[in-house]
PDB file of N, CA and C in Angstrom:
ATOM      1  N   MET A   1     -61.568 -58.832  59.609  1.00  0.00           N
ATOM      2  CA  MET A   1     -60.657 -59.450  59.943  1.00  0.00           C
ATOM      3  C   MET A   1     -59.528 -59.418  58.447  1.00  0.00           C
ATOM      4  N   TRP A   2     -60.401 -59.112  57.476  1.00  0.00           N
ATOM      5  CA  TRP A   2     -59.405 -59.030  55.968  1.00  0.00           C
ATOM      6  C   TRP A   2     -58.629 -58.066  56.259  1.00  0.00           C
ATOM      7  N   SER A   3     -58.933 -56.744  57.129  1.00  0.00           N
ATOM      8  CA  SER A   3     -57.628 -55.855  56.788  1.00  0.00           C
ATOM      9  C   SER A   3     -56.666 -56.199  57.991  1.00  0.00           C
ATOM     10  N   VAL A   4     -56.781 -57.061  59.089  1.00  0.00           N
ATOM     11  CA  VAL A   4     -55.852 -57.695  59.789  1.00  0.00           C
ATOM     12  C   VAL A   4     -54.812 -58.376  59.220  1.00  0.00           C
ATOM     13  N   GLY A   5     -55.635 -59.117  58.297  1.00  0.00           N
ATOM     14  CA  GLY A   5     -54.747 -60.075  57.670  1.00  0.00           C
ATOM     15  C   GLY A   5     -53.907 -59.188  56.680  1.00  0.00           C
ATOM     16  N   CYS A   6     -54.208 -58.099  55.845  1.00  0.00           N
ATOM     17  CA  CYS A   6     -53.459 -57.164  54.847  1.00  0.00           C
ATOM     18  C   CYS A   6     -52.358 -56.859  55.839  1.00  0.00           C
ATOM     19  N   ILE A   7     -52.638 -56.067  56.936  1.00  0.00           N
ATOM     20  CA  ILE A   7     -51.872 -55.203  57.611  1.00  0.00           C
ATOM     21  C   ILE A   7     -50.583 -56.166  58.278  1.00  0.00           C
ATOM     22  N   MET A   8     -51.119 -57.577  58.540  1.00  0.00           N
ATOM     23  CA  MET A   8     -50.286 -58.367  59.223  1.00  0.00           C
ATOM     24  C   MET A   8     -49.219 -58.829  58.174  1.00  0.00           C
ATOM     25  N   ALA A   9     -49.688 -59.322  56.786  1.00  0.00           N
ATOM     26  CA  ALA A   9     -48.874 -59.369  55.751  1.00  0.00           C
ATOM     27  C   ALA A   9     -47.822 -58.508  55.301  1.00  0.00           C
ATOM     28  N   GLU A  10     -48.171 -57.055  55.351  1.00  0.00           N
ATOM     29  CA  GLU A  10     -47.611 -55.905  55.198  1.00  0.00           C
ATOM     30  C   GLU A  10     -46.201 -55.625  56.027  1.00  0.00           C
ATOM     31  N   LEU A  11     -46.805 -56.179  57.435  1.00  0.00           N
ATOM     32  CA  LEU A  11     -45.629 -55.801  58.627  1.00  0.00           C
ATOM     33  C   LEU A  11     -44.502 -57.046  58.247  1.00  0.00           C
ATOM     34  N   ALA A  12     -45.161 -58.655  58.087  1.00  0.00           N
ATOM     35  CA  ALA A  12     -44.041 -59.372  57.406  1.00  0.00           C
ATOM     36  C   ALA A  12     -43.488 -58.942  56.259  1.00  0.00           C
ATOM     37  N   ARG A  13     -44.095 -58.632  55.635  1.00  0.00           N
ATOM     38  CA  ARG A  13     -43.226 -58.506  54.076  1.00  0.00           C
ATOM     39  C   ARG A  13     -42.653 -57.401  54.203  1.00  0.00           C
ATOM     40  N   LYS A  14     -43.110 -56.255  54.847  1.00  0.00           N
ATOM     41  CA  LYS A  14     -42.016 -54.977  54.662  1.00  0.00           C
ATOM     42  C   LYS A  14     -42.570 -54.269  53.475  1.00  0.00           C
ATOM     43  N   ALA A  15     -43.719 -54.715  52.762  1.00  0.00           N
ATOM     44  CA  ALA A  15     -44.531 -54.142  51.508  1.00  0.00           C
ATOM     45  C   ALA A  15     -45.886 -54.591  51.568  1.00  0.00           C
ATOM     46  N   PRO A  16     -46.743 -53.766  50.657  1.00  0.00           N
ATOM     47  CA  PRO A  16     -47.861 -54.137  50.898  1.00  0.00           C
ATOM     48  C   PRO A  16     -48.513 -55.447  49.816  1.00  0.00           C
ATOM     49  N   LEU A  17     -49.126 -56.352  50.606  1.00  0.00           N
ATOM     50  CA  LEU A  17     -49.862 -57.479  49.775  1.00  0.00           C
ATOM     51  C   LEU A  17     -50.257 -57.506  48.458  1.00  0.00           C
ATOM     52  N   PHE A  18     -51.137 -56.234  48.381  1.00  0.00           N
ATOM     53  CA  PHE A  18     -52.343 -56.005  47.505  1.00  0.00           C
ATOM     54  C   PHE A  18     -51.851 -54.567  47.112  1.00  0.00           C
ATOM     55  N   PRO A  19     -50.581 -54.067  46.372  1.00  0.00           N
ATOM     56  CA  PRO A  19     -50.726 -52.348  46.021  1.00  0.00           C
ATOM     57  C   PRO A  19     -51.372 -52.357  44.811  1.00  0.00           C
ATOM     58  N   GLY A  20     -51.997 -51.357  45.065  1.00  0.00           N
ATOM     59  CA  GLY A  20     -52.931 -50.668  43.518  1.00  0.00           C
ATOM     60  C   GLY A  20     -52.858 -49.322  44.142  1.00  0.00           C
ATOM     61  N   ASP A  21     -52.963 -48.377  43.090  1.00  0.00           N
ATOM     62  CA  ASP A  21     -53.076 -47.076  42.735  1.00  0.00           C
ATOM     63  C   ASP A  21     -54.946 -47.029  42.467  1.00  0.00           C
ATOM     64  N   SER A  22     -55.539 -48.180  42.202  1.00  0.00           N
ATOM     65  CA  SER A  22     -57.095 -47.653  41.756  1.00  0.00           C
ATOM     66  C   SER A  22     -57.860 -48.858  42.520  1.00  0.00           C
ATOM     67  N   GLU A  23     -58.986 -48.642  42.614  1.00  0.00           N
ATOM     68  CA  GLU A  23     -59.713 -50.099  42.902  1.00  0.00           C
ATOM     69  C   GLU A  23     -59.561 -51.324  42.253  1.00  0.00           C
ATOM     70  N   LEU A  24     -59.575 -50.861  41.091  1.00  0.00           N
ATOM     71  CA  LEU A  24     -59.503 -51.997  39.919  1.00  0.00           C
ATOM     72  C   LEU A  24     -58.273 -52.660  39.974  1.00  0.00           C
ATOM     73  N   GLN A  25     -56.984 -51.903  39.927  1.00  0.00           N
ATOM     74  CA  GLN A  25     -55.869 -52.403  40.041  1.00  0.00           C
ATOM     75  C   GLN A  25     -55.525 -53.393  41.454  1.00  0.00           C
ATOM     76  N   GLN A  26     -56.430 -52.610  42.371  1.00  0.00           N
ATOM     77  CA  GLN A  26     -56.182 -53.592  43.753  1.00  0.00           C
ATOM     78  C   GLN A  26     -56.791 -55.089  43.766  1.00  0.00           C
ATOM     79  N   LEU A  27     -58.134 -54.948  43.128  1.00  0.00           N
ATOM     80  CA  LEU A  27     -58.963 -55.828  42.933  1.00  0.00           C
ATOM     81  C   LEU A  27     -58.068 -56.919  41.771  1.00  0.00           C
ATOM     82  N   LEU A  28     -57.263 -56.477  40.744  1.00  0.00           N
ATOM     83  CA  LEU A  28     -56.537 -57.439  39.947  1.00  0.00           C
ATOM     84  C   LEU A  28     -55.421 -58.038  41.103  1.00  0.00           C
ATOM     85  N   HIS A  29     -54.669 -56.858  41.799  1.00  0.00           N
ATOM     86  CA  HIS A  29     -53.855 -57.873  42.431  1.00  0.00           C
ATOM     87  C   HIS A  29     -54.472 -58.904  43.588  1.00  0.00           C
ATOM     88  N   ILE A  30     -55.549 -58.876  44.385  1.00  0.00           N
ATOM     89  CA  ILE A  30     -56.449 -59.832  45.031  1.00  0.00           C
ATOM     90  C   ILE A  30     -56.625 -61.026  44.286  1.00  0.00           C
ATOM     91  N   PHE A  31     -56.955 -60.746  43.326  1.00  0.00           N
ATOM     92  CA  PHE A  31     -57.390 -62.225  42.362  1.00  0.00           C
ATOM     93  C   PHE A  31     -56.187 -62.436  41.901  1.00  0.00           C
ATOM     94  N   LYS A  32     -55.267 -62.267  41.626  1.00  0.00           N
ATOM     95  CA  LYS A  32     -54.137 -62.834  40.965  1.00  0.00           C
ATOM     96  C   LYS A  32     -53.533 -63.878  42.445  1.00  0.00           C
ATOM     97  N   LEU A  33     -53.346 -63.128  43.732  1.00  0.00           N
ATOM     98  CA  LEU A  33     -53.234 -64.270  44.625  1.00  0.00           C
ATOM     99  C   LEU A  33     -53.981 -64.817  45.200  1.00  0.00           C
ATOM    100  N   LEU A  34     -55.095 -64.645  45.349  1.00  0.00           N
ATOM    101  CA  LEU A  34     -56.221 -65.135  46.291  1.00  0.00           C
ATOM    102  C   LEU A  34     -57.082 -66.354  45.024  1.00  0.00           C
ATOM    103  N   GLY A  35     -56.844 -65.804  43.791  1.00  0.00           N
ATOM    104  CA  GLY A  35     -57.976 -66.708  42.762  1.00  0.00           C
ATOM    105  C   GLY A  35     -58.881 -65.499  42.490  1.00  0.00           C
ATOM    106  N   THR A  36     -59.610 -65.832  41.271  1.00  0.00           N
ATOM    107  CA  THR A  36     -60.709 -65.159  40.732  1.00  0.00           C
ATOM    108  C   THR A  36     -61.500 -65.572  41.523  1.00  0.00           C
ATOM    109  N   PRO A  37     -62.708 -64.942  42.491  1.00  0.00           N
ATOM    110  CA  PRO A  37     -63.647 -65.619  43.075  1.00  0.00           C
ATOM    111  C   PRO A  37     -64.710 -65.584  42.190  1.00  0.00           C
ATOM    112  N   SER A  38     -65.376 -67.190  42.338  1.00  0.00           N
ATOM    113  CA  SER A  38     -66.907 -67.692  41.687  1.00  0.00           C
ATOM    114  C   SER A  38     -67.786 -67.292  42.428  1.00  0.00           C
ATOM    115  N   ASP A  39     -69.155 -67.533  42.079  1.00  0.00           N
ATOM    116  CA  ASP A  39     -70.178 -67.541  42.446  1.00  0.00           C
ATOM    117  C   ASP A  39     -70.077 -68.177  44.109  1.00  0.00           C
ATOM    118  N   SER A  40     -69.403 -69.233  43.945  1.00  0.00           N
ATOM    119  CA  SER A  40     -69.335 -70.335  45.090  1.00  0.00           C
ATOM    120  C   SER A  40     -68.699 -69.717  46.172  1.00  0.00           C
ATOM    121  N   VAL A  41     -67.888 -68.733  45.825  1.00  0.00           N
ATOM    122  CA  VAL A  41     -67.121 -68.322  47.265  1.00  0.00           C
ATOM    123  C   VAL A  41     -67.422 -66.882  47.308  1.00  0.00           C
ATOM    124  N   TRP A  42     -67.934 -65.778  46.342  1.00  0.00           N
ATOM    125  CA  TRP A  42     -68.438 -64.668  46.506  1.00  0.00           C
ATOM    126  C   TRP A  42     -69.639 -64.831  45.811  1.00  0.00           C
ATOM    127  N   PRO A  43     -71.102 -65.108  46.452  1.00  0.00           N
ATOM    128  CA  PRO A  43     -72.146 -65.132  45.856  1.00  0.00           C
ATOM    129  C   PRO A  43     -72.622 -63.857  45.164  1.00  0.00           C
ATOM    130  N   GLY A  44     -73.116 -63.761  43.908  1.00  0.00           N
ATOM    131  CA  GLY A  44     -73.616 -62.709  43.303  1.00  0.00           C
ATOM    132  C   GLY A  44     -72.462 -62.159  42.314  1.00  0.00           C
ATOM    133  N   VAL A  45     -71.387 -62.520  42.872  1.00  0.00           N
ATOM    134  CA  VAL A  45     -69.907 -61.775  42.110  1.00  0.00           C
ATOM    135  C   VAL A  45     -69.993 -61.873  40.506  1.00  0.00           C
ATOM    136  N   SER A  46     -70.949 -62.804  39.864  1.00  0.00           N
ATOM    137  CA  SER A  46     -70.711 -62.818  38.425  1.00  0.00           C
ATOM    138  C   SER A  46     -71.668 -61.864  37.753  1.00  0.00           C
ATOM    139  N   LYS A  47     -72.730 -61.187  38.775  1.00  0.00           N
ATOM    140  CA  LYS A  47     -73.732 -60.273  38.142  1.00  0.00           C
ATOM    141  C   LYS A  47     -73.167 -58.988  38.451  1.00  0.00           C
ATOM    142  N   LEU A  48     -71.943 -58.835  38.772  1.00  0.00           N
ATOM    143  CA  LEU A  48     -71.126 -57.475  38.846  1.00  0.00           C
ATOM    144  C   LEU A  48     -70.838 -56.999  37.430  1.00  0.00           C
ATOM    145  N   ARG A  49     -70.814 -55.734  37.001  1.00  0.00           N
ATOM    146  CA  ARG A  49     -70.675 -55.164  35.971  1.00  0.00           C
ATOM    147  C   ARG A  49     -69.191 -55.577  35.515  1.00  0.00           C
ATOM    148  N   ASP A  50     -69.096 -55.758  34.551  1.00  0.00           N
ATOM    149  CA  ASP A  50     -67.803 -56.030  33.772  1.00  0.00           C
ATOM    150  C   ASP A  50     -67.115 -57.320  34.531  1.00  0.00           C
ATOM    151  N   TRP A  51     -67.721 -58.202  35.230  1.00  0.00           N
ATOM    152  CA  TRP A  51     -67.348 -59.139  35.939  1.00  0.00           C
ATOM    153  C   TRP A  51     -66.693 -60.263  34.811  1.00  0.00           C
ATOM    154  N   HIS A  52     -67.367 -60.368  33.715  1.00  0.00           N
ATOM    155  CA  HIS A  52     -67.079 -61.323  33.028  1.00  0.00           C
ATOM    156  C   HIS A  52     -65.461 -61.075  31.996  1.00  0.00           C
ATOM    157  N   ASP A  53     -65.065 -59.725  32.110  1.00  0.00           N
ATOM    158  CA  ASP A  53     -64.025 -59.239  31.737  1.00  0.00           C
ATOM    159  C   ASP A  53     -62.845 -59.582  32.330  1.00  0.00           C
ATOM    160  N   PHE A  54     -62.992 -59.978  33.466  1.00  0.00           N
ATOM    161  CA  PHE A  54     -61.620 -60.165  34.267  1.00  0.00           C
ATOM    162  C   PHE A  54     -61.367 -61.429  34.126  1.00  0.00           C
ATOM    163  N   PRO A  55     -59.965 -61.495  34.298  1.00  0.00           N
ATOM    164  CA  PRO A  55     -59.099 -62.750  33.686  1.00  0.00           C
ATOM    165  C   PRO A  55     -59.476 -63.754  35.013  1.00  0.00           C
ATOM    166  N   GLN A  56     -59.344 -65.046  34.763  1.00  0.00           N
ATOM    167  CA  GLN A  56     -59.596 -66.066  35.670  1.00  0.00           C
ATOM    168  C   GLN A  56     -58.341 -66.669  36.219  1.00  0.00           C
ATOM    169  N   TRP A  57     -57.798 -66.078  37.391  1.00  0.00           N
ATOM    170  CA  TRP A  57     -56.764 -66.836  37.986  1.00  0.00           C
ATOM    171  C   TRP A  57     -57.216 -67.953  38.995  1.00  0.00           C
ATOM    172  N   LYS A  58     -56.086 -68.659  39.266  1.00  0.00           N
ATOM    173  CA  LYS A  58     -56.130 -69.951  40.347  1.00  0.00           C
ATOM    174  C   LYS A  58     -55.694 -69.433  41.666  1.00  0.00           C
ATOM    175  N   PRO A  59     -55.853 -69.849  42.684  1.00  0.00           N
ATOM    176  CA  PRO A  59     -55.292 -69.448  43.709  1.00  0.00           C
ATOM    177  C   PRO A  59     -53.725 -69.592  44.166  1.00  0.00           C
ATOM    178  N   GLN A  60     -53.023 -68.601  44.368  1.00  0.00           N
ATOM    179  CA  GLN A  60     -51.425 -68.636  44.547  1.00  0.00           C
ATOM    180  C   GLN A  60     -51.271 -69.326  45.981  1.00  0.00           C
ATOM    181  N   ASP A  61     -50.041 -70.114  46.158  1.00  0.00           N
ATOM    182  CA  ASP A  61     -49.752 -70.491  47.285  1.00  0.00           C
ATOM    183  C   ASP A  61     -49.003 -69.456  48.362  1.00  0.00           C
ATOM    184  N   LEU A  62     -50.099 -68.838  49.496  1.00  0.00           N
ATOM    185  CA  LEU A  62     -49.397 -67.802  50.101  1.00  0.00           C
ATOM    186  C   LEU A  62     -48.141 -67.975  50.489  1.00  0.00           C
ATOM    187  N   GLY A  63     -47.772 -69.130  51.193  1.00  0.00           N
ATOM    188  CA  GLY A  63     -46.322 -69.602  51.737  1.00  0.00           C
ATOM    189  C   GLY A  63     -45.390 -69.104  50.584  1.00  0.00           C
ATOM    190  N   LYS A  64     -45.460 -69.226  49.594  1.00  0.00           N
ATOM    191  CA  LYS A  64     -44.609 -68.775  48.467  1.00  0.00           C
ATOM    192  C   LYS A  64     -44.466 -67.537  48.208  1.00  0.00           C
ATOM    193  N   VAL A  65     -45.361 -66.544  48.876  1.00  0.00           N
ATOM    194  CA  VAL A  65     -45.518 -64.890  48.582  1.00  0.00           C
ATOM    195  C   VAL A  65     -45.323 -64.538  50.081  1.00  0.00           C
ATOM    196  N   ILE A  66     -45.790 -64.857  51.087  1.00  0.00           N
ATOM    197  CA  ILE A  66     -45.219 -64.330  52.413  1.00  0.00           C
ATOM    198  C   ILE A  66     -44.282 -65.399  53.090  1.00  0.00           C
ATOM    199  N   THR A  67     -43.125 -65.297  52.518  1.00  0.00           N
ATOM    200  CA  THR A  67     -42.172 -66.226  52.972  1.00  0.00           C
ATOM    201  C   THR A  67     -41.655 -66.135  54.400  1.00  0.00           C
ATOM    202  N   GLU A  68     -42.119 -64.825  55.185  1.00  0.00           N
ATOM    203  CA  GLU A  68     -41.485 -64.660  56.312  1.00  0.00           C
ATOM    204  C   GLU A  68     -42.286 -65.161  57.320  1.00  0.00           C
ATOM    205  N   LEU A  69     -43.408 -65.648  57.118  1.00  0.00           N
ATOM    206  CA  LEU A  69     -44.102 -66.336  58.068  1.00  0.00           C
ATOM    207  C   LEU A  69     -43.947 -67.802  58.262  1.00  0.00           C
ATOM    208  N   ASN A  70     -44.210 -68.562  59.195  1.00  0.00           N
ATOM    209  CA  ASN A  70     -44.344 -69.877  59.364  1.00  0.00           C
ATOM    210  C   ASN A  70     -45.500 -70.786  59.019  1.00  0.00           C
ATOM    211  N   ALA A  71     -45.656 -71.714  59.040  1.00  0.00           N
ATOM    212  CA  ALA A  71     -46.893 -72.646  58.371  1.00  0.00           C
ATOM    213  C   ALA A  71     -48.102 -71.814  59.081  1.00  0.00           C
ATOM    214  N   ASP A  72     -47.774 -71.920  60.571  1.00  0.00           N
ATOM    215  CA  ASP A  72     -48.944 -71.187  61.363  1.00  0.00           C
ATOM    216  C   ASP A  72     -49.371 -69.920  60.902  1.00  0.00           C
ATOM    217  N   GLY A  73     -48.376 -69.068  60.582  1.00  0.00           N
ATOM    218  CA  GLY A  73     -48.849 -67.935  60.058  1.00  0.00           C
ATOM    219  C   GLY A  73     -49.577 -68.007  58.993  1.00  0.00           C
ATOM    220  N   ILE A  74     -49.123 -68.591  58.014  1.00  0.00           N
ATOM    221  CA  ILE A  74     -49.742 -68.938  56.639  1.00  0.00           C
ATOM    222  C   ILE A  74     -51.269 -69.172  56.989  1.00  0.00           C
ATOM    223  N   ASP A  75     -51.516 -69.928  57.719  1.00  0.00           N
ATOM    224  CA  ASP A  75     -52.629 -70.767  58.231  1.00  0.00           C
ATOM    225  C   ASP A  75     -53.637 -69.606  58.534  1.00  0.00           C
ATOM    226  N   LEU A  76     -53.125 -68.837  59.477  1.00  0.00           N
ATOM    227  CA  LEU A  76     -53.919 -67.625  60.074  1.00  0.00           C
ATOM    228  C   LEU A  76     -54.370 -66.750  58.987  1.00  0.00           C
ATOM    229  N   MET A  77     -53.143 -66.569  58.206  1.00  0.00           N
ATOM    230  CA  MET A  77     -53.542 -65.449  57.036  1.00  0.00           C
ATOM    231  C   MET A  77     -54.763 -65.719  56.201  1.00  0.00           C
ATOM    232  N   GLN A  78     -54.279 -67.155  55.779  1.00  0.00           N
ATOM    233  CA  GLN A  78     -55.600 -67.891  54.640  1.00  0.00           C
ATOM    234  C   GLN A  78     -56.656 -67.866  55.150  1.00  0.00           C
ATOM    235  N   ARG A  79     -56.865 -67.914  56.386  1.00  0.00           N
ATOM    236  CA  ARG A  79     -58.457 -67.854  57.244  1.00  0.00           C
ATOM    237  C   ARG A  79     -58.852 -66.484  57.308  1.00  0.00           C
ATOM    238  N   MET A  80     -57.917 -65.440  57.396  1.00  0.00           N
ATOM    239  CA  MET A  80     -58.533 -63.775  57.476  1.00  0.00           C
ATOM    240  C   MET A  80     -58.640 -63.422  56.105  1.00  0.00           C
ATOM    241  N   LEU A  81     -58.210 -63.839  55.025  1.00  0.00           N
ATOM    242  CA  LEU A  81     -58.379 -63.394  53.724  1.00  0.00           C
ATOM    243  C   LEU A  81     -59.330 -64.449  52.989  1.00  0.00           C
ATOM    244  N   GLN A  82     -60.156 -64.709  53.256  1.00  0.00           N
ATOM    245  CA  GLN A  82     -61.454 -65.172  52.725  1.00  0.00           C
ATOM    246  C   GLN A  82     -62.408 -64.259  52.139  1.00  0.00           C
ATOM    247  N   TYR A  83     -62.764 -64.718  50.883  1.00  0.00           N
ATOM    248  CA  TYR A  83     -63.718 -63.505  50.141  1.00  0.00           C
ATOM    249  C   TYR A  83     -65.050 -63.526  51.208  1.00  0.00           C
ATOM    250  N   ASP A  84     -65.770 -64.790  51.447  1.00  0.00           N
ATOM    251  CA  ASP A  84     -66.728 -64.585  52.143  1.00  0.00           C
ATOM    252  C   ASP A  84     -66.864 -64.110  53.663  1.00  0.00           C
ATOM    253  N   PRO A  85     -66.987 -63.020  54.144  1.00  0.00           N
ATOM    254  CA  PRO A  85     -66.765 -62.807  55.537  1.00  0.00           C
ATOM    255  C   PRO A  85     -67.440 -63.624  56.600  1.00  0.00           C
ATOM    256  N   SER A  86     -68.602 -64.569  56.237  1.00  0.00           N
ATOM    257  CA  SER A  86     -68.701 -65.552  57.168  1.00  0.00           C
ATOM    258  C   SER A  86     -68.037 -66.601  57.469  1.00  0.00           C
ATOM    259  N   LYS A  87     -67.209 -67.054  56.265  1.00  0.00           N
ATOM    260  CA  LYS A  87     -65.870 -67.917  56.509  1.00  0.00           C
ATOM    261  C   LYS A  87     -64.530 -67.135  57.160  1.00  0.00           C
ATOM    262  N   ARG A  88     -64.598 -66.224  57.289  1.00  0.00           N
ATOM    263  CA  ARG A  88     -63.223 -65.480  58.046  1.00  0.00           C
ATOM    264  C   ARG A  88     -63.253 -65.678  59.501  1.00  0.00           C
ATOM    265  N   ILE A  89     -61.888 -66.019  59.750  1.00  0.00           N
ATOM    266  CA  ILE A  89     -61.777 -66.422  61.335  1.00  0.00           C
ATOM    267  C   ILE A  89     -62.158 -65.136  61.792  1.00  0.00           C
ATOM    268  N   GLY A  90     -62.965 -65.345  63.138  1.00  0.00           N
ATOM    269  CA  GLY A  90     -62.945 -64.152  63.900  1.00  0.00           C
ATOM    270  C   GLY A  90     -61.837 -63.388  65.015  1.00  0.00           C
ATOM    271  N   ALA A  91     -61.871 -62.380  65.413  1.00  0.00           N
ATOM    272  CA  ALA A  91     -60.805 -61.744  66.417  1.00  0.00           C
ATOM    273  C   ALA A  91     -60.328 -62.961  67.368  1.00  0.00           C
ATOM    274  N   LYS A  92     -61.327 -63.100  68.129  1.00  0.00           N
ATOM    275  CA  LYS A  92     -61.423 -63.958  69.387  1.00  0.00           C
ATOM    276  C   LYS A  92     -60.762 -65.460  68.899  1.00  0.00           C
ATOM    277  N   GLU A  93     -61.160 -65.996  67.803  1.00  0.00           N
ATOM    278  CA  GLU A  93     -60.596 -67.144  67.735  1.00  0.00           C
ATOM    279  C   GLU A  93     -59.386 -67.035  66.928  1.00  0.00           C
ATOM    280  N   ALA A  94     -58.954 -66.051  66.430  1.00  0.00           N
ATOM    281  CA  ALA A  94     -57.512 -65.569  65.811  1.00  0.00           C
ATOM    282  C   ALA A  94     -56.572 -65.514  66.729  1.00  0.00           C
ATOM    283  N   LEU A  95     -56.995 -65.022  67.944  1.00  0.00           N
ATOM    284  CA  LEU A  95     -55.981 -64.817  69.186  1.00  0.00           C
ATOM    285  C   LEU A  95     -55.790 -66.381  69.688  1.00  0.00           C
ATOM    286  N   LYS A  96     -57.081 -67.284  69.400  1.00  0.00           N
ATOM    287  CA  LYS A  96     -56.697 -68.517  69.673  1.00  0.00           C
ATOM    288  C   LYS A  96     -55.831 -69.435  69.169  1.00  0.00           C
ATOM    289  N   HIS A  97     -55.511 -68.919  67.682  1.00  0.00           N
ATOM    290  CA  HIS A  97     -54.749 -69.527  66.774  1.00  0.00           C
ATOM    291  C   HIS A  97     -53.378 -70.068  67.249  1.00  0.00           C
ATOM    292  N   PRO A  98     -52.918 -71.041  66.785  1.00  0.00           N
ATOM    293  CA  PRO A  98     -51.545 -71.530  67.013  1.00  0.00           C
ATOM    294  C   PRO A  98     -50.223 -70.525  66.836  1.00  0.00           C
ATOM    295  N   TYR A  99     -50.680 -69.978  65.716  1.00  0.00           N
ATOM    296  CA  TYR A  99     -49.847 -68.988  65.352  1.00  0.00           C
ATOM    297  C   TYR A  99     -49.275 -67.911  66.940  1.00  0.00           C
ATOM    298  N   PHE A 100     -49.948 -67.626  67.841  1.00  0.00           N
ATOM    299  CA  PHE A 100     -49.993 -67.063  68.785  1.00  0.00           C
ATOM    300  C   PHE A 100     -49.558 -67.610  70.135  1.00  0.00           C
ATOM    301  N   ASP A 101     -49.224 -69.226  70.039  1.00  0.00           N
ATOM    302  CA  ASP A 101     -48.769 -69.764  71.225  1.00  0.00           C
ATOM    303  C   ASP A 101     -47.784 -69.474  71.974  1.00  0.00           C
ATOM    304  N   GLY A 102     -47.052 -68.711  71.283  1.00  0.00           N
ATOM    305  CA  GLY A 102     -45.685 -68.543  72.122  1.00  0.00           C
ATOM    306  C   GLY A 102     -45.732 -67.011  72.695  1.00  0.00           C
ATOM    307  N   VAL A 103     -47.307 -66.344  72.889  1.00  0.00           N
ATOM    308  CA  VAL A 103     -47.513 -65.230  73.265  1.00  0.00           C
ATOM    309  C   VAL A 103     -48.440 -65.138  74.407  1.00  0.00           C
ATOM    310  N   ASP A 104     -47.942 -64.383  75.504  1.00  0.00           N
ATOM    311  CA  ASP A 104     -48.398 -64.677  76.943  1.00  0.00           C
ATOM    312  C   ASP A 104     -49.945 -64.155  76.784  1.00  0.00           C
ATOM    313  N   LYS A 105     -51.074 -64.925  77.059  1.00  0.00           N
ATOM    314  CA  LYS A 105     -52.377 -64.799  77.010  1.00  0.00           C
ATOM    315  C   LYS A 105     -52.415 -63.755  77.837  1.00  0.00           C
ATOM    316  N   ALA A 106     -51.733 -63.446  78.895  1.00  0.00           N
ATOM    317  CA  ALA A 106     -52.428 -62.576  79.941  1.00  0.00           C
ATOM    318  C   ALA A 106     -52.340 -61.255  79.087  1.00  0.00           C
ATOM    319  N   LEU A 107     -51.532 -60.798  78.239  1.00  0.00           N
ATOM    320  CA  LEU A 107     -51.402 -59.445  77.374  1.00  0.00           C
ATOM    321  C   LEU A 107     -52.827 -59.167  77.017  1.00  0.00           C
ATOM    322  N   TYR A 108     -53.681 -59.997  76.855  1.00  0.00           N
ATOM    323  CA  TYR A 108     -54.909 -59.742  75.712  1.00  0.00           C
ATOM    324  C   TYR A 108     -56.153 -60.653  76.618  1.00  0.00           C
ATOM    325  N   GLU A 109     -55.945 -61.141  77.396  1.00  0.00           N
ATOM    326  CA  GLU A 109     -57.159 -61.945  78.013  1.00  0.00           C
ATOM    327  C   GLU A 109     -58.250 -61.215  78.438  1.00  0.00           C
ATOM    328  N   ASN A 110     -58.044 -59.959  78.867  1.00  0.00           N
ATOM    329  CA  ASN A 110     -59.292 -59.430  79.086  1.00  0.00           C
ATOM    330  C   ASN A 110     -60.009 -58.298  78.142  1.00  0.00           C
ATOM    331  N   LEU A 111     -59.282 -58.584  76.999  1.00  0.00           N
ATOM    332  CA  LEU A 111     -59.801 -57.708  75.941  1.00  0.00           C
ATOM    333  C   LEU A 111     -61.259 -57.919  75.394  1.00  0.00           C
TER     334      LEU A 111
END
């Protein structure tokens, strides 16, 4: 669902949410927007090599970065972009999210 969130944001913004030319640069973009993860949101992250060299950023307001989405879209985005995969919204749950209330459910009921 992380990738779906990234694609959804890119479609809305017409630009990548986390542009990067390398893994490190992309991680820095993610951390700047979502906040530098701690062990409470990403267990074991502090044990990663060079972890303590990363700047400690606080999460930004996604609504100010992805201005093209309404409040329901931002809520869905926040649920997709959770560091801990077990806390991310699932695909079936995402389809039931209020963001999609205006979409004809018959289009995807049988998926």
